[in-house]
Amino acid sequence: MNRAERHGAILRLVNERRISTQAELADALRSEGHEVVQTTVSRDIHELGLIKIRNGGGQLVYAPPEAAEEQLVDALSAAVAQWALSVEASGNLVVVTTPHGYASPFAEACDVARHPHIAGTIAGENTVILVAREPATGAQLAEEIRTQRLQGVA
């Protein structure tokens, strides 16, 4: 098996199974007839950019790098649904009100998620200002935030 085939098998395995360690990954590859050693698996993990994320059961498992972005988007959606009380646009800004003390965690969720339409945030105690990244407008960003808020309610 060449490297490309092995990389394909690894990506398939981490998407299909809960694999927590290099040894488990090597065993899974071997069970499918691929001869690998731990150092090869270690190098492959690095080359593929695999990360560890918490699965639904709270266990750390290997995942492709895009899984982290999905988790960040989910975290932002959860923050909007949980803490955004009102959303108002003005020019290229969006003002989001939160319960007292939740502006900072809300702004942090926005910053960490690296939302493509948010250039930055400023947080007070219960108010967050989101700066829309051009060419998006504040109105467009506010509509995205409102949509996420409504999805969290459903």
Protein backbone atom coordinates (compact mmCIF):
# COMPACT_ATOMS: atom_id res chain seq x y z
CA MET A 1 0.00 0.00 0.00
CA ASN A 2 1.33 3.43 -0.86
CA ARG A 3 1.08 6.54 1.30
CA ALA A 4 -1.96 7.98 -0.51
CA GLU A 5 -3.89 4.72 -0.04
CA ARG A 6 -2.88 4.55 3.62
CA HIS A 7 -3.93 8.18 4.17
CA GLY A 8 -7.29 7.42 2.56
CA ALA A 9 -7.74 4.39 4.81
CA ILE A 10 -6.85 6.45 7.90
CA LEU A 11 -9.34 9.20 7.04
CA ARG A 12 -12.05 6.63 6.44
CA LEU A 13 -11.29 4.86 9.72
CA VAL A 14 -11.35 8.01 11.88
CA ASN A 15 -14.66 8.99 10.29
CA GLU A 16 -16.20 5.54 10.85
CA ARG A 17 -14.80 4.57 14.26
CA ARG A 18 -13.88 6.08 17.59
CA ILE A 19 -10.08 5.91 17.53
CA SER A 20 -8.33 7.47 20.51
CA THR A 21 -4.69 6.40 20.22
CA GLN A 22 -2.03 5.76 17.62
CA ALA A 23 -1.99 2.13 18.72
CA GLU A 24 -5.73 1.80 18.08
CA LEU A 25 -5.27 3.35 14.64
CA ALA A 26 -2.38 1.01 13.82
CA ASP A 27 -4.45 -1.98 14.98
CA ALA A 28 -7.40 -0.86 12.85
CA LEU A 29 -5.16 -0.54 9.80
CA ARG A 30 -3.62 -3.96 10.46
CA SER A 31 -7.09 -5.53 10.86
CA GLU A 32 -7.79 -4.36 7.30
CA GLY A 33 -4.59 -5.96 6.04
CA HIS A 34 -2.29 -2.91 6.02
CA GLU A 35 1.17 -3.47 7.43
CA VAL A 36 2.12 -0.40 9.49
CA VAL A 37 4.31 0.46 12.43
CA GLN A 38 3.63 3.10 15.06
CA THR A 39 6.17 5.57 13.66
CA THR A 40 4.46 5.46 10.26
CA VAL A 41 1.07 6.02 11.87
CA SER A 42 2.49 8.93 13.88
CA ARG A 43 3.89 10.55 10.74
CA ASP A 44 0.61 9.98 8.87
CA ILE A 45 -1.37 11.64 11.68
CA HIS A 46 0.91 14.66 11.44
CA GLU A 47 0.80 14.81 7.63
CA LEU A 48 -3.00 14.55 7.58
CA GLY A 49 -3.33 17.20 10.30
CA LEU A 50 -5.56 14.96 12.40
CA ILE A 51 -6.76 16.52 15.63
CA LYS A 52 -8.40 15.19 18.75
CA ILE A 53 -11.94 16.27 19.52
CA ARG A 54 -14.49 15.18 22.11
CA ASN A 55 -17.12 12.90 20.67
CA GLY A 56 -20.71 12.74 21.89
CA GLY A 57 -19.66 10.52 24.78
CA GLY A 58 -16.95 12.93 25.92
CA GLN A 59 -14.08 10.72 24.73
CA LEU A 60 -11.12 12.29 22.89
CA VAL A 61 -10.90 10.78 19.40
CA TYR A 62 -8.97 11.48 16.21
CA ALA A 63 -10.76 13.54 13.57
CA PRO A 64 -9.88 15.36 10.35
CA PRO A 65 -8.96 19.04 10.80
CA GLU A 66 -12.28 20.28 9.42
CA ALA A 67 -14.04 18.67 12.41
CA ALA A 68 -12.63 21.42 14.63
CA GLU A 69 -14.23 24.07 12.43
CA GLU A 70 -17.56 22.27 12.62
CA GLN A 71 -17.32 22.22 16.42
CA LEU A 72 -16.51 25.95 16.47
CA VAL A 73 -19.54 26.73 14.30
CA ASP A 74 -21.69 24.57 16.59
CA ALA A 75 -20.28 26.40 19.64
CA LEU A 76 -21.08 29.79 18.08
CA SER A 77 -24.60 28.66 17.22
CA ALA A 78 -25.07 27.44 20.80
CA ALA A 79 -23.76 30.75 22.20
CA VAL A 80 -26.15 32.72 19.99
CA ALA A 81 -29.11 30.51 20.95
CA GLN A 82 -28.25 30.65 24.64
CA TRP A 83 -27.08 34.22 25.22
CA ALA A 84 -28.23 36.54 22.41
CA LEU A 85 -31.27 38.40 23.74
CA SER A 86 -31.44 41.02 21.00
CA VAL A 87 -29.60 41.72 17.77
CA GLU A 88 -29.52 45.15 16.12
CA ALA A 89 -27.57 46.32 13.08
CA SER A 90 -26.06 49.76 12.48
CA GLY A 91 -23.83 50.34 9.45
CA ASN A 92 -21.10 47.72 9.58
CA LEU A 93 -21.78 46.95 13.27
CA VAL A 94 -24.09 44.58 15.09
CA VAL A 95 -25.06 45.19 18.71
CA VAL A 96 -25.95 42.01 20.60
CA THR A 97 -27.36 42.16 24.12
CA THR A 98 -26.86 39.25 26.48
CA PRO A 99 -27.80 38.50 30.08
CA HIS A 100 -25.59 40.39 32.56
CA GLY A 101 -22.08 38.90 32.60
CA TYR A 102 -22.42 36.88 29.39
CA ALA A 103 -21.11 39.41 26.87
CA SER A 104 -17.51 38.30 27.28
CA PRO A 105 -18.18 34.55 26.78
CA PHE A 106 -20.38 35.40 23.80
CA ALA A 107 -17.66 37.57 22.24
CA GLU A 108 -15.08 34.84 22.91
CA ALA A 109 -17.26 32.28 21.11
CA CYS A 110 -17.46 34.64 18.12
CA ASP A 111 -13.69 35.26 18.13
CA VAL A 112 -12.75 31.59 18.48
CA ALA A 113 -15.18 30.51 15.75
CA ARG A 114 -13.42 32.79 13.24
CA HIS A 115 -16.73 33.52 11.53
CA PRO A 116 -15.91 34.77 8.03
CA HIS A 117 -18.19 37.81 8.36
CA ILE A 118 -16.97 38.94 11.80
CA ALA A 119 -13.80 41.07 11.80
CA GLY A 120 -13.78 41.44 15.58
CA THR A 121 -15.74 41.92 18.77
CA ILE A 122 -15.88 44.30 21.73
CA ALA A 123 -17.63 43.15 24.90
CA GLY A 124 -19.01 44.94 27.92
CA GLU A 125 -21.05 43.32 30.70
CA ASN A 126 -24.20 42.62 28.71
CA THR A 127 -23.48 44.11 25.28
CA VAL A 128 -21.26 42.90 22.44
CA ILE A 129 -20.39 44.88 19.34
CA LEU A 130 -19.61 42.74 16.30
CA VAL A 131 -17.74 44.42 13.45
CA ALA A 132 -18.82 43.08 10.06
CA ARG A 133 -16.00 42.16 7.70
CA GLU A 134 -16.33 43.81 4.28
CA PRO A 135 -18.09 43.31 1.97
CA ALA A 136 -20.71 42.08 4.49
CA THR A 137 -22.86 44.72 6.13
CA GLY A 138 -24.07 44.90 9.68
CA ALA A 139 -27.58 44.13 8.44
CA GLN A 140 -26.39 40.94 6.71
CA LEU A 141 -24.42 39.81 9.77
CA ALA A 142 -27.35 40.60 12.07
CA GLU A 143 -29.62 38.47 9.90
CA GLU A 144 -27.15 35.54 10.15
CA ILE A 145 -27.07 35.92 13.94
CA ARG A 146 -30.89 36.10 14.15
CA THR A 147 -31.17 32.97 12.00
CA GLN A 148 -28.78 31.10 14.31
CA ARG A 149 -30.78 32.32 17.33
CA LEU A 150 -34.01 31.00 15.84
CA GLN A 151 -32.39 27.64 15.00
CA GLY A 152 -31.41 27.28 18.66
CA VAL A 153 -35.03 27.78 19.73
CA ALA A 154 -36.43 25.10 17.42
